[in-house]
N, C-alpha and C. Protein backbone atom coordinates (compact mmCIF):
# COMPACT_ATOMS: atom_id res chain seq x y z
N MET A 1 10.71 -18.56 10.27
CA MET A 1 10.34 -18.95 8.93
C MET A 1 11.56 -19.21 8.08
N ASN A 2 12.71 -18.87 8.43
CA ASN A 2 13.99 -19.09 7.75
C ASN A 2 14.09 -18.47 6.36
N GLY A 3 13.28 -17.45 6.07
CA GLY A 3 13.38 -16.74 4.80
C GLY A 3 12.73 -17.42 3.62
N LYS A 4 12.01 -18.49 3.86
CA LYS A 4 11.34 -19.20 2.77
C LYS A 4 9.84 -19.12 2.95
N TYR A 5 9.15 -19.16 1.84
CA TYR A 5 7.69 -19.22 1.85
C TYR A 5 7.32 -20.65 1.48
N ILE A 6 6.60 -21.32 2.36
CA ILE A 6 6.24 -22.72 2.18
C ILE A 6 4.72 -22.86 2.18
N PHE A 7 4.19 -23.64 1.23
CA PHE A 7 2.77 -23.93 1.18
C PHE A 7 2.62 -25.42 0.95
N LYS A 8 1.95 -26.08 1.90
CA LYS A 8 1.73 -27.53 1.84
C LYS A 8 3.03 -28.29 1.54
N GLY A 9 4.10 -27.88 2.22
CA GLY A 9 5.37 -28.55 2.10
C GLY A 9 6.19 -28.16 0.88
N GLU A 10 5.65 -27.34 0.01
CA GLU A 10 6.36 -26.91 -1.20
C GLU A 10 6.95 -25.51 -1.01
N ASP A 11 8.14 -25.33 -1.49
CA ASP A 11 8.81 -24.03 -1.44
C ASP A 11 8.25 -23.15 -2.56
N ILE A 12 7.55 -22.09 -2.18
CA ILE A 12 6.97 -21.17 -3.16
C ILE A 12 7.65 -19.80 -3.08
N THR A 13 8.85 -19.77 -2.53
CA THR A 13 9.57 -18.51 -2.33
C THR A 13 9.71 -17.73 -3.63
N THR A 14 10.13 -18.40 -4.68
CA THR A 14 10.31 -17.71 -5.96
C THR A 14 9.01 -17.11 -6.45
N ASP A 15 7.92 -17.85 -6.32
CA ASP A 15 6.61 -17.35 -6.75
C ASP A 15 6.22 -16.10 -5.98
N VAL A 16 6.40 -16.13 -4.67
CA VAL A 16 6.02 -14.99 -3.83
C VAL A 16 6.91 -13.78 -4.15
N LEU A 17 8.19 -14.00 -4.30
CA LEU A 17 9.10 -12.88 -4.59
C LEU A 17 8.80 -12.26 -5.95
N PHE A 18 8.52 -13.09 -6.95
CA PHE A 18 8.13 -12.55 -8.26
C PHE A 18 6.82 -11.79 -8.17
N LYS A 19 5.91 -12.26 -7.36
CA LYS A 19 4.62 -11.58 -7.17
C LYS A 19 4.85 -10.20 -6.54
N ILE A 20 5.70 -10.14 -5.52
CA ILE A 20 6.01 -8.86 -4.87
C ILE A 20 6.64 -7.90 -5.86
N GLU A 21 7.57 -8.42 -6.67
CA GLU A 21 8.21 -7.58 -7.68
C GLU A 21 7.18 -7.03 -8.67
N HIS A 22 6.29 -7.90 -9.12
CA HIS A 22 5.27 -7.48 -10.08
C HIS A 22 4.34 -6.42 -9.47
N ILE A 23 3.93 -6.63 -8.24
CA ILE A 23 3.08 -5.65 -7.55
C ILE A 23 3.78 -4.30 -7.46
N CYS A 24 5.03 -4.31 -7.05
CA CYS A 24 5.77 -3.06 -6.90
C CYS A 24 5.99 -2.37 -8.25
N ASN A 25 6.17 -3.14 -9.30
CA ASN A 25 6.27 -2.54 -10.64
C ASN A 25 4.96 -1.86 -11.03
N ILE A 26 3.84 -2.49 -10.70
CA ILE A 26 2.53 -1.89 -10.97
C ILE A 26 2.38 -0.59 -10.19
N LEU A 27 2.71 -0.62 -8.90
CA LEU A 27 2.60 0.58 -8.07
C LEU A 27 3.50 1.69 -8.60
N ALA A 28 4.72 1.35 -8.96
CA ALA A 28 5.66 2.35 -9.48
C ALA A 28 5.14 2.98 -10.76
N GLU A 29 4.58 2.16 -11.63
CA GLU A 29 4.05 2.68 -12.89
C GLU A 29 2.83 3.56 -12.66
N ARG A 30 1.91 3.10 -11.82
CA ARG A 30 0.68 3.87 -11.56
C ARG A 30 0.97 5.20 -10.89
N GLU A 31 1.97 5.21 -10.00
CA GLU A 31 2.26 6.43 -9.24
C GLU A 31 3.40 7.24 -9.82
N ASN A 32 3.99 6.72 -10.91
CA ASN A 32 5.11 7.39 -11.57
C ASN A 32 6.26 7.65 -10.57
N ILE A 33 6.62 6.59 -9.86
CA ILE A 33 7.73 6.65 -8.91
C ILE A 33 8.70 5.52 -9.23
N ILE A 34 9.87 5.57 -8.62
CA ILE A 34 10.83 4.50 -8.86
C ILE A 34 10.43 3.25 -8.08
N PHE A 35 10.93 2.13 -8.55
CA PHE A 35 10.60 0.83 -7.95
C PHE A 35 10.90 0.82 -6.45
N ASP A 36 12.04 1.35 -6.05
CA ASP A 36 12.44 1.32 -4.64
C ASP A 36 11.42 2.01 -3.74
N LYS A 37 10.88 3.13 -4.19
CA LYS A 37 9.86 3.85 -3.40
C LYS A 37 8.58 3.02 -3.30
N ALA A 38 8.20 2.40 -4.40
CA ALA A 38 7.01 1.55 -4.39
C ALA A 38 7.22 0.37 -3.45
N TYR A 39 8.40 -0.22 -3.50
CA TYR A 39 8.71 -1.36 -2.63
C TYR A 39 8.65 -0.95 -1.17
N GLU A 40 9.25 0.20 -0.84
CA GLU A 40 9.23 0.68 0.55
C GLU A 40 7.80 0.89 1.04
N ALA A 41 6.95 1.45 0.21
CA ALA A 41 5.56 1.69 0.60
C ALA A 41 4.84 0.36 0.79
N PHE A 42 5.05 -0.57 -0.14
CA PHE A 42 4.32 -1.83 -0.10
C PHE A 42 4.69 -2.69 1.09
N ILE A 43 5.96 -2.77 1.44
CA ILE A 43 6.36 -3.69 2.52
C ILE A 43 5.88 -3.24 3.90
N PHE A 44 5.43 -2.02 4.01
CA PHE A 44 4.88 -1.56 5.29
C PHE A 44 3.36 -1.64 5.32
N SER A 45 2.78 -2.24 4.29
CA SER A 45 1.32 -2.31 4.21
C SER A 45 0.79 -3.60 4.82
N ASP A 46 -0.49 -3.55 5.18
CA ASP A 46 -1.16 -4.76 5.65
C ASP A 46 -1.32 -5.77 4.52
N THR A 47 -1.46 -5.28 3.30
CA THR A 47 -1.57 -6.18 2.15
C THR A 47 -0.33 -7.06 2.05
N TYR A 48 0.83 -6.48 2.25
CA TYR A 48 2.08 -7.24 2.23
C TYR A 48 2.11 -8.26 3.37
N LYS A 49 1.68 -7.84 4.54
CA LYS A 49 1.68 -8.76 5.69
C LYS A 49 0.78 -9.96 5.43
N ILE A 50 -0.37 -9.70 4.82
CA ILE A 50 -1.30 -10.78 4.49
C ILE A 50 -0.69 -11.68 3.41
N LEU A 51 -0.05 -11.09 2.43
CA LEU A 51 0.57 -11.85 1.35
C LEU A 51 1.63 -12.82 1.88
N LYS A 52 2.35 -12.42 2.90
CA LYS A 52 3.41 -13.27 3.47
C LYS A 52 2.86 -14.50 4.19
N ARG A 53 1.60 -14.47 4.60
CA ARG A 53 0.98 -15.63 5.26
C ARG A 53 0.46 -16.57 4.17
N THR A 54 1.25 -17.54 3.83
CA THR A 54 0.97 -18.36 2.65
C THR A 54 -0.30 -19.20 2.78
N HIS A 55 -0.74 -19.50 3.97
CA HIS A 55 -1.91 -20.36 4.15
C HIS A 55 -3.20 -19.73 3.61
N ASN A 56 -3.23 -18.41 3.46
CA ASN A 56 -4.45 -17.75 3.01
C ASN A 56 -4.56 -17.64 1.48
N LEU A 57 -3.56 -18.10 0.76
CA LEU A 57 -3.54 -18.14 -0.70
C LEU A 57 -3.53 -16.77 -1.38
N TYR A 58 -3.24 -15.70 -0.66
CA TYR A 58 -3.11 -14.39 -1.30
C TYR A 58 -2.01 -14.43 -2.36
N TRP A 59 -0.98 -15.20 -2.13
CA TRP A 59 0.14 -15.29 -3.08
C TRP A 59 -0.31 -15.86 -4.42
N ALA A 60 -1.44 -16.54 -4.46
CA ALA A 60 -1.95 -17.11 -5.71
C ALA A 60 -2.82 -16.13 -6.50
N GLU A 61 -3.16 -15.01 -5.90
CA GLU A 61 -3.95 -13.98 -6.60
C GLU A 61 -3.06 -13.25 -7.60
N SER A 62 -3.69 -12.57 -8.54
CA SER A 62 -2.92 -11.81 -9.53
C SER A 62 -2.28 -10.58 -8.88
N ALA A 63 -1.19 -10.15 -9.47
CA ALA A 63 -0.51 -8.96 -8.96
C ALA A 63 -1.41 -7.74 -9.08
N GLU A 64 -2.22 -7.68 -10.13
CA GLU A 64 -3.13 -6.56 -10.33
C GLU A 64 -4.17 -6.51 -9.21
N PHE A 65 -4.71 -7.66 -8.85
CA PHE A 65 -5.67 -7.73 -7.75
C PHE A 65 -5.02 -7.26 -6.45
N LEU A 66 -3.81 -7.72 -6.18
CA LEU A 66 -3.13 -7.35 -4.94
C LEU A 66 -2.76 -5.87 -4.93
N ALA A 67 -2.41 -5.31 -6.07
CA ALA A 67 -2.16 -3.87 -6.14
C ALA A 67 -3.44 -3.11 -5.82
N ASP A 68 -4.57 -3.57 -6.35
CA ASP A 68 -5.85 -2.94 -6.03
C ASP A 68 -6.18 -3.06 -4.55
N GLU A 69 -5.88 -4.21 -3.96
CA GLU A 69 -6.07 -4.39 -2.51
C GLU A 69 -5.22 -3.39 -1.73
N TYR A 70 -4.00 -3.18 -2.16
CA TYR A 70 -3.11 -2.20 -1.53
C TYR A 70 -3.76 -0.82 -1.59
N TYR A 71 -4.26 -0.43 -2.75
CA TYR A 71 -4.89 0.89 -2.89
C TYR A 71 -6.16 1.01 -2.06
N ARG A 72 -6.94 -0.08 -1.96
CA ARG A 72 -8.12 -0.05 -1.09
C ARG A 72 -7.68 0.17 0.36
N GLU A 73 -6.61 -0.50 0.74
CA GLU A 73 -6.09 -0.36 2.11
C GLU A 73 -5.68 1.08 2.40
N ILE A 74 -4.88 1.67 1.52
CA ILE A 74 -4.38 3.02 1.82
C ILE A 74 -5.47 4.07 1.70
N SER A 75 -6.49 3.80 0.89
CA SER A 75 -7.59 4.77 0.79
C SER A 75 -8.48 4.77 2.02
N SER A 76 -8.45 3.67 2.78
CA SER A 76 -9.29 3.58 3.97
C SER A 76 -8.58 4.07 5.23
N ARG A 77 -7.37 4.51 5.10
CA ARG A 77 -6.62 5.01 6.27
C ARG A 77 -7.10 6.36 6.69
C-alpha cells in the first residue's frame, strides 16, 4: 500500500489520519487516559483494521460513530 490511503484514485491519507487522531482523542477523553494509550489500544482493534480498508467507506463515517464501533467491539470480547 506504500503508506497511503487511496479511494477511487484519490489520496485520502490526510483524511484518514485526521480521523484516527480524532477517534483517539475521543477515546482518551472518555477513558481519561493519555492520547498514546488510546492510540495503542485503537490500532490493535478490528475497528482500526476495517477503517484502513478504504473501499468500505468507514473512513467517511464520523469519528464519534467509529469510537462507538470500537466500544461495541471491545464489549463483545
